[in-house]
Amino acid sequence: MIAIIDYDAGNLASVERAVSYLGFKCIVTNDIKTIAGSERIIFPGVGAAGAAMDSLKRLGLDSVIKQAVIDGKPILGICLGTQIIMEYSEENETACLKIIDGFVKAFPPD
């Protein structure tokens, strides 16, 4: 089973449809036990890094994602989901999950 993480910042329906279309079983969830028990994780995201991190922490999902990495579980980050696994985002000067070394640079405004 593939867990698609619901943290109020994702394009969840389109990801779920794509995964199902490819023939994989998946569930959109923010339940810690379901995510921990999944074989793989998809971490989609659309929005701002600061709000996304706040939501992950509020739901307790930051810890379950970090544990999944420690356990060697495959994780696919999409868009904001990829940015959040880095150390830091210049967007709103946000400390992220620190799973992958590196920083997300903001595009210049002009």
PDB file of N, CA and C in Angstrom:
ATOM      1  N   MET A   1       0.846  -1.182   0.000  1.00  0.00           N
ATOM      2  CA  MET A   1       0.000   0.000   0.000  1.00  0.00           C
ATOM      3  C   MET A   1       0.892   1.246   0.000  1.00  0.00           C
ATOM      4  N   ILE A   2       0.510   2.213  -0.790  1.00  0.00           N
ATOM      5  CA  ILE A   2       1.203   3.496  -0.856  1.00  0.00           C
ATOM      6  C   ILE A   2       0.383   4.517  -0.083  1.00  0.00           C
ATOM      7  N   ALA A   3       1.010   5.188   0.860  1.00  0.00           N
ATOM      8  CA  ALA A   3       0.350   6.259   1.608  1.00  0.00           C
ATOM      9  C   ALA A   3       0.651   7.586   0.929  1.00  0.00           C
ATOM     10  N   ILE A   4      -0.394   8.309   0.584  1.00  0.00           N
ATOM     11  CA  ILE A   4      -0.259   9.664   0.051  1.00  0.00           C
ATOM     12  C   ILE A   4      -0.567  10.595   1.210  1.00  0.00           C
ATOM     13  N   ILE A   5       0.429  11.344   1.648  1.00  0.00           N
ATOM     14  CA  ILE A   5       0.301  12.134   2.872  1.00  0.00           C
ATOM     15  C   ILE A   5      -0.586  13.353   2.661  1.00  0.00           C
ATOM     16  N   ASP A   6      -1.588  13.458   3.506  1.00  0.00           N
ATOM     17  CA  ASP A   6      -2.523  14.586   3.500  1.00  0.00           C
ATOM     18  C   ASP A   6      -2.156  15.520   4.648  1.00  0.00           C
ATOM     19  N   TYR A   7      -1.546  16.633   4.309  1.00  0.00           N
ATOM     20  CA  TYR A   7      -1.174  17.613   5.334  1.00  0.00           C
ATOM     21  C   TYR A   7      -1.687  18.999   4.960  1.00  0.00           C
ATOM     22  N   ASP A   8      -2.823  19.005   4.288  1.00  0.00           N
ATOM     23  CA  ASP A   8      -3.508  20.241   3.898  1.00  0.00           C
ATOM     24  C   ASP A   8      -2.688  21.100   2.938  1.00  0.00           C
ATOM     25  N   ALA A   9      -1.823  20.486   2.149  1.00  0.00           N
ATOM     26  CA  ALA A   9      -1.001  21.269   1.223  1.00  0.00           C
ATOM     27  C   ALA A   9      -0.742  20.515  -0.073  1.00  0.00           C
ATOM     28  N   GLY A  10      -1.671  19.673  -0.484  1.00  0.00           N
ATOM     29  CA  GLY A  10      -1.341  18.852  -1.634  1.00  0.00           C
ATOM     30  C   GLY A  10      -2.399  18.776  -2.703  1.00  0.00           C
ATOM     31  N   ASN A  11      -1.947  18.377  -3.859  1.00  0.00           N
ATOM     32  CA  ASN A  11      -2.813  18.083  -4.989  1.00  0.00           C
ATOM     33  C   ASN A  11      -3.179  16.600  -4.912  1.00  0.00           C
ATOM     34  N   LEU A  12      -3.888  16.240  -3.862  1.00  0.00           N
ATOM     35  CA  LEU A  12      -4.090  14.852  -3.480  1.00  0.00           C
ATOM     36  C   LEU A  12      -4.917  14.044  -4.471  1.00  0.00           C
ATOM     37  N   ALA A  13      -6.009  14.600  -4.953  1.00  0.00           N
ATOM     38  CA  ALA A  13      -6.897  13.839  -5.835  1.00  0.00           C
ATOM     39  C   ALA A  13      -6.196  13.439  -7.125  1.00  0.00           C
ATOM     40  N   SER A  14      -5.418  14.337  -7.705  1.00  0.00           N
ATOM     41  CA  SER A  14      -4.733  14.009  -8.956  1.00  0.00           C
ATOM     42  C   SER A  14      -3.640  12.972  -8.727  1.00  0.00           C
ATOM     43  N   VAL A  15      -2.947  13.048  -7.607  1.00  0.00           N
ATOM     44  CA  VAL A  15      -1.918  12.055  -7.296  1.00  0.00           C
ATOM     45  C   VAL A  15      -2.575  10.695  -7.063  1.00  0.00           C
ATOM     46  N   GLU A  16      -3.661  10.676  -6.307  1.00  0.00           N
ATOM     47  CA  GLU A  16      -4.365   9.421  -6.040  1.00  0.00           C
ATOM     48  C   GLU A  16      -4.863   8.782  -7.344  1.00  0.00           C
ATOM     49  N   ARG A  17      -5.430   9.574  -8.231  1.00  0.00           N
ATOM     50  CA  ARG A  17      -5.911   9.050  -9.517  1.00  0.00           C
ATOM     51  C   ARG A  17      -4.760   8.479 -10.350  1.00  0.00           C
ATOM     52  N   ALA A  18      -3.644   9.170 -10.376  1.00  0.00           N
ATOM     53  CA  ALA A  18      -2.498   8.704 -11.159  1.00  0.00           C
ATOM     54  C   ALA A  18      -1.955   7.383 -10.616  1.00  0.00           C
ATOM     55  N   VAL A  19      -1.819   7.286  -9.311  1.00  0.00           N
ATOM     56  CA  VAL A  19      -1.303   6.062  -8.692  1.00  0.00           C
ATOM     57  C   VAL A  19      -2.266   4.901  -8.937  1.00  0.00           C
ATOM     58  N   SER A  20      -3.547   5.146  -8.770  1.00  0.00           N
ATOM     59  CA  SER A  20      -4.560   4.108  -9.015  1.00  0.00           C
ATOM     60  C   SER A  20      -4.573   3.689 -10.482  1.00  0.00           C
ATOM     61  N   TYR A  21      -4.458   4.649 -11.376  1.00  0.00           N
ATOM     62  CA  TYR A  21      -4.435   4.369 -12.811  1.00  0.00           C
ATOM     63  C   TYR A  21      -3.279   3.430 -13.162  1.00  0.00           C
ATOM     64  N   LEU A  22      -2.164   3.588 -12.470  1.00  0.00           N
ATOM     65  CA  LEU A  22      -0.994   2.741 -12.711  1.00  0.00           C
ATOM     66  C   LEU A  22      -1.133   1.358 -12.081  1.00  0.00           C
ATOM     67  N   GLY A  23      -2.236   1.132 -11.368  1.00  0.00           N
ATOM     68  CA  GLY A  23      -2.514  -0.188 -10.815  1.00  0.00           C
ATOM     69  C   GLY A  23      -2.037  -0.421  -9.395  1.00  0.00           C
ATOM     70  N   PHE A  24      -1.661   0.626  -8.702  1.00  0.00           N
ATOM     71  CA  PHE A  24      -1.192   0.485  -7.324  1.00  0.00           C
ATOM     72  C   PHE A  24      -2.301   0.821  -6.340  1.00  0.00           C
ATOM     73  N   LYS A  25      -2.298   0.133  -5.213  1.00  0.00           N
ATOM     74  CA  LYS A  25      -3.234   0.462  -4.141  1.00  0.00           C
ATOM     75  C   LYS A  25      -2.653   1.622  -3.345  1.00  0.00           C
ATOM     76  N   CYS A  26      -3.507   2.601  -3.063  1.00  0.00           N
ATOM     77  CA  CYS A  26      -3.039   3.761  -2.313  1.00  0.00           C
ATOM     78  C   CYS A  26      -4.154   4.282  -1.424  1.00  0.00           C
ATOM     79  N   ILE A  27      -3.747   5.098  -0.470  1.00  0.00           N
ATOM     80  CA  ILE A  27      -4.700   5.742   0.423  1.00  0.00           C
ATOM     81  C   ILE A  27      -4.206   7.152   0.718  1.00  0.00           C
ATOM     82  N   VAL A  28      -5.098   8.107   0.673  1.00  0.00           N
ATOM     83  CA  VAL A  28      -4.788   9.478   1.086  1.00  0.00           C
ATOM     84  C   VAL A  28      -5.073   9.549   2.575  1.00  0.00           C
ATOM     85  N   THR A  29      -4.064   9.911   3.357  1.00  0.00           N
ATOM     86  CA  THR A  29      -4.232   9.846   4.806  1.00  0.00           C
ATOM     87  C   THR A  29      -3.305  10.803   5.542  1.00  0.00           C
ATOM     88  N   ASN A  30      -3.718  11.162   6.749  1.00  0.00           N
ATOM     89  CA  ASN A  30      -2.818  11.847   7.676  1.00  0.00           C
ATOM     90  C   ASN A  30      -2.723  11.050   8.975  1.00  0.00           C
ATOM     91  N   ASP A  31      -3.147   9.783   8.916  1.00  0.00           N
ATOM     92  CA  ASP A  31      -3.093   8.900  10.081  1.00  0.00           C
ATOM     93  C   ASP A  31      -1.675   8.345  10.247  1.00  0.00           C
ATOM     94  N   ILE A  32      -1.078   8.615  11.376  1.00  0.00           N
ATOM     95  CA  ILE A  32       0.314   8.233  11.624  1.00  0.00           C
ATOM     96  C   ILE A  32       0.515   6.731  11.498  1.00  0.00           C
ATOM     97  N   LYS A  33      -0.370   5.924  12.059  1.00  0.00           N
ATOM     98  CA  LYS A  33      -0.224   4.462  12.002  1.00  0.00           C
ATOM     99  C   LYS A  33      -0.343   3.941  10.571  1.00  0.00           C
ATOM    100  N   THR A  34      -1.243   4.514   9.800  1.00  0.00           N
ATOM    101  CA  THR A  34      -1.401   4.093   8.405  1.00  0.00           C
ATOM    102  C   THR A  34      -0.150   4.426   7.605  1.00  0.00           C
ATOM    103  N   ILE A  35       0.384   5.613   7.809  1.00  0.00           N
ATOM    104  CA  ILE A  35       1.599   6.020   7.095  1.00  0.00           C
ATOM    105  C   ILE A  35       2.774   5.140   7.517  1.00  0.00           C
ATOM    106  N   ALA A  36       2.912   4.909   8.814  1.00  0.00           N
ATOM    107  CA  ALA A  36       4.007   4.076   9.320  1.00  0.00           C
ATOM    108  C   ALA A  36       3.911   2.646   8.788  1.00  0.00           C
ATOM    109  N   GLY A  37       2.707   2.152   8.577  1.00  0.00           N
ATOM    110  CA  GLY A  37       2.513   0.789   8.101  1.00  0.00           C
ATOM    111  C   GLY A  37       2.528   0.630   6.592  1.00  0.00           C
ATOM    112  N   SER A  38       2.646   1.719   5.877  1.00  0.00           N
ATOM    113  CA  SER A  38       2.638   1.644   4.409  1.00  0.00           C
ATOM    114  C   SER A  38       3.981   1.142   3.891  1.00  0.00           C
ATOM    115  N   GLU A  39       3.967   0.652   2.653  1.00  0.00           N
ATOM    116  CA  GLU A  39       5.202   0.179   2.022  1.00  0.00           C
ATOM    117  C   GLU A  39       5.998   1.324   1.404  1.00  0.00           C
ATOM    118  N   ARG A  40       5.269   2.332   0.934  1.00  0.00           N
ATOM    119  CA  ARG A  40       5.876   3.486   0.275  1.00  0.00           C
ATOM    120  C   ARG A  40       5.082   4.728   0.640  1.00  0.00           C
ATOM    121  N   ILE A  41       5.713   5.886   0.453  1.00  0.00           N
ATOM    122  CA  ILE A  41       5.052   7.150   0.780  1.00  0.00           C
ATOM    123  C   ILE A  41       5.195   8.110  -0.392  1.00  0.00           C
ATOM    124  N   ILE A  42       4.102   8.780  -0.703  1.00  0.00           N
ATOM    125  CA  ILE A  42       4.151   9.901  -1.638  1.00  0.00           C
ATOM    126  C   ILE A  42       3.823  11.151  -0.837  1.00  0.00           C
ATOM    127  N   PHE A  43       4.663  12.148  -1.005  1.00  0.00           N
ATOM    128  CA  PHE A  43       4.594  13.378  -0.234  1.00  0.00           C
ATOM    129  C   PHE A  43       4.373  14.540  -1.207  1.00  0.00           C
ATOM    130  N   PRO A  44       3.109  14.750  -1.642  1.00  0.00           N
ATOM    131  CA  PRO A  44       2.831  15.825  -2.592  1.00  0.00           C
ATOM    132  C   PRO A  44       2.774  17.173  -1.885  1.00  0.00           C
ATOM    133  N   GLY A  45       2.618  18.219  -2.635  1.00  0.00           N
ATOM    134  CA  GLY A  45       2.469  19.506  -1.981  1.00  0.00           C
ATOM    135  C   GLY A  45       2.348  20.669  -2.932  1.00  0.00           C
ATOM    136  N   VAL A  46       1.472  21.563  -2.577  1.00  0.00           N
ATOM    137  CA  VAL A  46       1.291  22.830  -3.275  1.00  0.00           C
ATOM    138  C   VAL A  46       1.090  23.871  -2.189  1.00  0.00           C
ATOM    139  N   GLY A  47       1.833  24.960  -2.235  1.00  0.00           N
ATOM    140  CA  GLY A  47       1.642  25.995  -1.234  1.00  0.00           C
ATOM    141  C   GLY A  47       2.948  26.556  -0.727  1.00  0.00           C
ATOM    142  N   ALA A  48       2.906  27.076   0.476  1.00  0.00           N
ATOM    143  CA  ALA A  48       4.053  27.743   1.091  1.00  0.00           C
ATOM    144  C   ALA A  48       4.742  26.820   2.092  1.00  0.00           C
ATOM    145  N   ALA A  49       6.065  26.863   2.106  1.00  0.00           N
ATOM    146  CA  ALA A  49       6.850  25.989   2.973  1.00  0.00           C
ATOM    147  C   ALA A  49       6.519  26.186   4.449  1.00  0.00           C
ATOM    148  N   GLY A  50       6.386  27.423   4.889  1.00  0.00           N
ATOM    149  CA  GLY A  50       6.106  27.684   6.301  1.00  0.00           C
ATOM    150  C   GLY A  50       4.790  27.088   6.754  1.00  0.00           C
ATOM    151  N   ALA A  51       3.748  27.303   5.979  1.00  0.00           N
ATOM    152  CA  ALA A  51       2.430  26.755   6.322  1.00  0.00           C
ATOM    153  C   ALA A  51       2.451  25.232   6.277  1.00  0.00           C
ATOM    154  N   ALA A  52       3.167  24.669   5.310  1.00  0.00           N
ATOM    155  CA  ALA A  52       3.260  23.216   5.203  1.00  0.00           C
ATOM    156  C   ALA A  52       3.963  22.620   6.417  1.00  0.00           C
ATOM    157  N   MET A  53       5.065  23.218   6.838  1.00  0.00           N
ATOM    158  CA  MET A  53       5.776  22.715   8.018  1.00  0.00           C
ATOM    159  C   MET A  53       4.914  22.841   9.265  1.00  0.00           C
ATOM    160  N   ASP A  54       4.199  23.948   9.396  1.00  0.00           N
ATOM    161  CA  ASP A  54       3.293  24.107  10.542  1.00  0.00           C
ATOM    162  C   ASP A  54       2.264  22.988  10.572  1.00  0.00           C
ATOM    163  N   SER A  55       1.703  22.665   9.422  1.00  0.00           N
ATOM    164  CA  SER A  55       0.696  21.614   9.328  1.00  0.00           C
ATOM    165  C   SER A  55       1.293  20.248   9.654  1.00  0.00           C
ATOM    166  N   LEU A  56       2.471  19.952   9.113  1.00  0.00           N
ATOM    167  CA  LEU A  56       3.132  18.676   9.406  1.00  0.00           C
ATOM    168  C   LEU A  56       3.371  18.510  10.900  1.00  0.00           C
ATOM    169  N   LYS A  57       3.851  19.551  11.540  1.00  0.00           N
ATOM    170  CA  LYS A  57       4.124  19.491  12.982  1.00  0.00           C
ATOM    171  C   LYS A  57       2.840  19.352  13.783  1.00  0.00           C
ATOM    172  N   ARG A  58       1.820  20.109  13.399  1.00  0.00           N
ATOM    173  CA  ARG A  58       0.536  20.062  14.116  1.00  0.00           C
ATOM    174  C   ARG A  58      -0.071  18.660  14.065  1.00  0.00           C
ATOM    175  N   LEU A  59       0.079  17.999  12.921  1.00  0.00           N
ATOM    176  CA  LEU A  59      -0.482  16.663  12.737  1.00  0.00           C
ATOM    177  C   LEU A  59       0.453  15.553  13.219  1.00  0.00           C
ATOM    178  N   GLY A  60       1.678  15.898  13.604  1.00  0.00           N
ATOM    179  CA  GLY A  60       2.653  14.898  14.042  1.00  0.00           C
ATOM    180  C   GLY A  60       3.261  14.111  12.894  1.00  0.00           C
ATOM    181  N   LEU A  61       3.137  14.628  11.683  1.00  0.00           N
ATOM    182  CA  LEU A  61       3.612  13.902  10.512  1.00  0.00           C
ATOM    183  C   LEU A  61       5.101  14.099  10.252  1.00  0.00           C
ATOM    184  N   ASP A  62       5.687  15.143  10.791  1.00  0.00           N
ATOM    185  CA  ASP A  62       7.122  15.354  10.606  1.00  0.00           C
ATOM    186  C   ASP A  62       7.909  14.168  11.157  1.00  0.00           C
ATOM    187  N   SER A  63       7.525  13.678  12.321  1.00  0.00           N
ATOM    188  CA  SER A  63       8.226  12.552  12.951  1.00  0.00           C
ATOM    189  C   SER A  63       8.045  11.256  12.176  1.00  0.00           C
ATOM    190  N   VAL A  64       6.827  10.998  11.697  1.00  0.00           N
ATOM    191  CA  VAL A  64       6.582   9.746  10.971  1.00  0.00           C
ATOM    192  C   VAL A  64       7.327   9.734   9.637  1.00  0.00           C
ATOM    193  N   ILE A  65       7.467  10.875   8.997  1.00  0.00           N
ATOM    194  CA  ILE A  65       8.218  10.948   7.742  1.00  0.00           C
ATOM    195  C   ILE A  65       9.702  10.700   8.012  1.00  0.00           C
ATOM    196  N   LYS A  66      10.244  11.328   9.036  1.00  0.00           N
ATOM    197  CA  LYS A  66      11.657  11.121   9.381  1.00  0.00           C
ATOM    198  C   LYS A  66      11.919   9.659   9.737  1.00  0.00           C
ATOM    199  N   GLN A  67      11.007   9.028  10.469  1.00  0.00           N
ATOM    200  CA  GLN A  67      11.171   7.621  10.836  1.00  0.00           C
ATOM    201  C   GLN A  67      11.110   6.732   9.601  1.00  0.00           C
ATOM    202  N   ALA A  68      10.259   7.066   8.661  1.00  0.00           N
ATOM    203  CA  ALA A  68      10.173   6.288   7.420  1.00  0.00           C
ATOM    204  C   ALA A  68      11.505   6.306   6.676  1.00  0.00           C
ATOM    205  N   VAL A  69      12.163   7.450   6.670  1.00  0.00           N
ATOM    206  CA  VAL A  69      13.478   7.557   6.029  1.00  0.00           C
ATOM    207  C   VAL A  69      14.488   6.683   6.762  1.00  0.00           C
ATOM    208  N   ILE A  70      14.493   6.752   8.080  1.00  0.00           N
ATOM    209  CA  ILE A  70      15.398   5.923   8.890  1.00  0.00           C
ATOM    210  C   ILE A  70      15.166   4.446   8.598  1.00  0.00           C
ATOM    211  N   ASP A  71      13.897   4.071   8.424  1.00  0.00           N
ATOM    212  CA  ASP A  71      13.536   2.677   8.155  1.00  0.00           C
ATOM    213  C   ASP A  71      13.821   2.248   6.719  1.00  0.00           C
ATOM    214  N   GLY A  72      14.245   3.179   5.867  1.00  0.00           N
ATOM    215  CA  GLY A  72      14.568   2.857   4.487  1.00  0.00           C
ATOM    216  C   GLY A  72      13.365   2.770   3.564  1.00  0.00           C
ATOM    217  N   LYS A  73      12.259   3.345   3.985  1.00  0.00           N
ATOM    218  CA  LYS A  73      11.033   3.314   3.184  1.00  0.00           C
ATOM    219  C   LYS A  73      11.162   4.294   2.013  1.00  0.00           C
ATOM    220  N   PRO A  74      10.812   3.864   0.795  1.00  0.00           N
ATOM    221  CA  PRO A  74      10.869   4.787  -0.347  1.00  0.00           C
ATOM    222  C   PRO A  74       9.861   5.931  -0.195  1.00  0.00           C
ATOM    223  N   ILE A  75      10.330   7.147  -0.446  1.00  0.00           N
ATOM    224  CA  ILE A  75       9.481   8.335  -0.361  1.00  0.00           C
ATOM    225  C   ILE A  75       9.652   9.141  -1.647  1.00  0.00           C
ATOM    226  N   LEU A  76       8.528   9.507  -2.241  1.00  0.00           N
ATOM    227  CA  LEU A  76       8.528  10.358  -3.424  1.00  0.00           C
ATOM    228  C   LEU A  76       7.968  11.715  -3.042  1.00  0.00           C
ATOM    229  N   GLY A  77       8.792  12.740  -3.128  1.00  0.00           N
ATOM    230  CA  GLY A  77       8.332  14.101  -2.896  1.00  0.00           C
ATOM    231  C   GLY A  77       7.934  14.737  -4.213  1.00  0.00           C
ATOM    232  N   ILE A  78       6.811  15.430  -4.221  1.00  0.00           N
ATOM    233  CA  ILE A  78       6.347  16.120  -5.421  1.00  0.00           C
ATOM    234  C   ILE A  78       6.207  17.600  -5.089  1.00  0.00           C
ATOM    235  N   CYS A  79       6.857  18.443  -5.876  1.00  0.00           N
ATOM    236  CA  CYS A  79       6.773  19.894  -5.744  1.00  0.00           C
ATOM    237  C   CYS A  79       7.149  20.330  -4.316  1.00  0.00           C
ATOM    238  N   LEU A  80       6.212  20.897  -3.579  1.00  0.00           N
ATOM    239  CA  LEU A  80       6.501  21.348  -2.215  1.00  0.00           C
ATOM    240  C   LEU A  80       6.972  20.187  -1.340  1.00  0.00           C
ATOM    241  N   GLY A  81       6.461  18.986  -1.600  1.00  0.00           N
ATOM    242  CA  GLY A  81       6.896  17.805  -0.851  1.00  0.00           C
ATOM    243  C   GLY A  81       8.384  17.546  -1.001  1.00  0.00           C
ATOM    244  N   THR A  82       8.937  17.855  -2.169  1.00  0.00           N
ATOM    245  CA  THR A  82      10.380  17.730  -2.382  1.00  0.00           C
ATOM    246  C   THR A  82      11.134  18.827  -1.640  1.00  0.00           C
ATOM    247  N   GLN A  83      10.615  20.037  -1.682  1.00  0.00           N
ATOM    248  CA  GLN A  83      11.279  21.153  -1.007  1.00  0.00           C
ATOM    249  C   GLN A  83      11.336  20.939   0.509  1.00  0.00           C
ATOM    250  N   ILE A  84      10.267  20.427   1.070  1.00  0.00           N
ATOM    251  CA  ILE A  84      10.157  20.275   2.527  1.00  0.00           C
ATOM    252  C   ILE A  84      11.130  19.234   3.079  1.00  0.00           C
ATOM    253  N   ILE A  85      11.601  18.297   2.247  1.00  0.00           N
ATOM    254  CA  ILE A  85      12.548  17.308   2.766  1.00  0.00           C
ATOM    255  C   ILE A  85      13.979  17.849   2.827  1.00  0.00           C
ATOM    256  N   MET A  86      14.183  19.053   2.311  1.00  0.00           N
ATOM    257  CA  MET A  86      15.492  19.698   2.406  1.00  0.00           C
ATOM    258  C   MET A  86      15.679  20.277   3.820  1.00  0.00           C
ATOM    259  N   GLU A  87      16.831  20.906   4.042  1.00  0.00           N
ATOM    260  CA  GLU A  87      17.121  21.487   5.356  1.00  0.00           C
ATOM    261  C   GLU A  87      16.343  22.772   5.624  1.00  0.00           C
ATOM    262  N   TYR A  88      16.251  23.599   4.596  1.00  0.00           N
ATOM    263  CA  TYR A  88      15.784  24.963   4.819  1.00  0.00           C
ATOM    264  C   TYR A  88      15.229  25.524   3.518  1.00  0.00           C
ATOM    265  N   SER A  89      14.214  26.362   3.627  1.00  0.00           N
ATOM    266  CA  SER A  89      13.672  27.066   2.467  1.00  0.00           C
ATOM    267  C   SER A  89      13.768  28.565   2.708  1.00  0.00           C
ATOM    268  N   GLU A  90      14.262  29.280   1.710  1.00  0.00           N
ATOM    269  CA  GLU A  90      14.306  30.737   1.818  1.00  0.00           C
ATOM    270  C   GLU A  90      12.905  31.337   1.857  1.00  0.00           C
ATOM    271  N   GLU A  91      11.916  30.595   1.373  1.00  0.00           N
ATOM    272  CA  GLU A  91      10.534  31.064   1.411  1.00  0.00           C
ATOM    273  C   GLU A  91      10.090  31.158   2.874  1.00  0.00           C
ATOM    274  N   ASN A  92       9.846  32.357   3.323  1.00  0.00           N
ATOM    275  CA  ASN A  92       9.470  32.625   4.722  1.00  0.00           C
ATOM    276  C   ASN A  92      10.516  32.144   5.725  1.00  0.00           C
ATOM    277  N   GLU A  93      11.760  31.961   5.251  1.00  0.00           N
ATOM    278  CA  GLU A  93      12.861  31.521   6.115  1.00  0.00           C
ATOM    279  C   GLU A  93      12.428  30.343   6.983  1.00  0.00           C
ATOM    280  N   THR A  94      12.136  29.226   6.332  1.00  0.00           N
ATOM    281  CA  THR A  94      11.529  28.074   6.978  1.00  0.00           C
ATOM    282  C   THR A  94      12.522  26.947   7.201  1.00  0.00           C
ATOM    283  N   ALA A  95      12.648  26.488   8.446  1.00  0.00           N
ATOM    284  CA  ALA A  95      13.394  25.268   8.743  1.00  0.00           C
ATOM    285  C   ALA A  95      12.528  24.091   8.316  1.00  0.00           C
ATOM    286  N   CYS A  96      13.108  23.192   7.526  1.00  0.00           N
ATOM    287  CA  CYS A  96      12.336  22.074   6.972  1.00  0.00           C
ATOM    288  C   CYS A  96      12.695  20.762   7.677  1.00  0.00           C
ATOM    289  N   LEU A  97      12.458  19.619   7.036  1.00  0.00           N
ATOM    290  CA  LEU A  97      12.622  18.317   7.690  1.00  0.00           C
ATOM    291  C   LEU A  97      14.074  17.856   7.816  1.00  0.00           C
ATOM    292  N   LYS A  98      14.981  18.426   7.041  1.00  0.00           N
ATOM    293  CA  LYS A  98      16.418  18.108   7.123  1.00  0.00           C
ATOM    294  C   LYS A  98      16.713  16.649   6.788  1.00  0.00           C
ATOM    295  N   ILE A  99      15.951  16.093   5.856  1.00  0.00           N
ATOM    296  CA  ILE A  99      16.180  14.722   5.414  1.00  0.00           C
ATOM    297  C   ILE A  99      17.283  14.691   4.362  1.00  0.00           C
ATOM    298  N   ILE A 100      17.299  15.685   3.490  1.00  0.00           N
ATOM    299  CA  ILE A 100      18.319  15.817   2.450  1.00  0.00           C
ATOM    300  C   ILE A 100      19.071  17.120   2.687  1.00  0.00           C
ATOM    301  N   ASP A 101      20.404  17.040   2.640  1.00  0.00           N
ATOM    302  CA  ASP A 101      21.212  18.242   2.800  1.00  0.00           C
ATOM    303  C   ASP A 101      20.951  19.198   1.643  1.00  0.00           C
ATOM    304  N   GLY A 102      20.759  20.457   1.972  1.00  0.00           N
ATOM    305  CA  GLY A 102      20.589  21.464   0.940  1.00  0.00           C
ATOM    306  C   GLY A 102      19.527  22.475   1.306  1.00  0.00           C
ATOM    307  N   PHE A 103      19.508  23.524   0.523  1.00  0.00           N
ATOM    308  CA  PHE A 103      18.615  24.647   0.774  1.00  0.00           C
ATOM    309  C   PHE A 103      17.788  24.932  -0.469  1.00  0.00           C
ATOM    310  N   VAL A 104      16.561  25.355  -0.262  1.00  0.00           N
ATOM    311  CA  VAL A 104      15.686  25.756  -1.361  1.00  0.00           C
ATOM    312  C   VAL A 104      15.816  27.267  -1.503  1.00  0.00           C
ATOM    313  N   LYS A 105      16.298  27.703  -2.667  1.00  0.00           N
ATOM    314  CA  LYS A 105      16.453  29.135  -2.919  1.00  0.00           C
ATOM    315  C   LYS A 105      15.176  29.692  -3.517  1.00  0.00           C
ATOM    316  N   ALA A 106      14.841  30.879  -3.099  1.00  0.00           N
ATOM    317  CA  ALA A 106      13.680  31.571  -3.664  1.00  0.00           C
ATOM    318  C   ALA A 106      14.063  32.171  -5.012  1.00  0.00           C
ATOM    319  N   PHE A 107      13.116  32.163  -5.955  1.00  0.00           N
ATOM    320  CA  PHE A 107      13.347  32.839  -7.223  1.00  0.00           C
ATOM    321  C   PHE A 107      13.361  34.338  -6.979  1.00  0.00           C
ATOM    322  N   PRO A 108      14.221  35.077  -7.707  1.00  0.00           N
ATOM    323  CA  PRO A 108      14.196  36.535  -7.567  1.00  0.00           C
ATOM    324  C   PRO A 108      12.840  37.075  -8.024  1.00  0.00           C
ATOM    325  N   PRO A 109      12.367  38.148  -7.388  1.00  0.00           N
ATOM    326  CA  PRO A 109      11.030  38.666  -7.692  1.00  0.00           C
ATOM    327  C   PRO A 109      10.876  39.263  -9.082  1.00  0.00           C
ATOM    328  N   ASP A 110      11.958  39.606  -9.750  1.00  0.00           N
ATOM    329  CA  ASP A 110      11.823  40.232 -11.073  1.00  0.00           C
ATOM    330  C   ASP A 110      12.063  39.275 -12.149  1.00  0.00           C
TER     331      ASP A 110
END
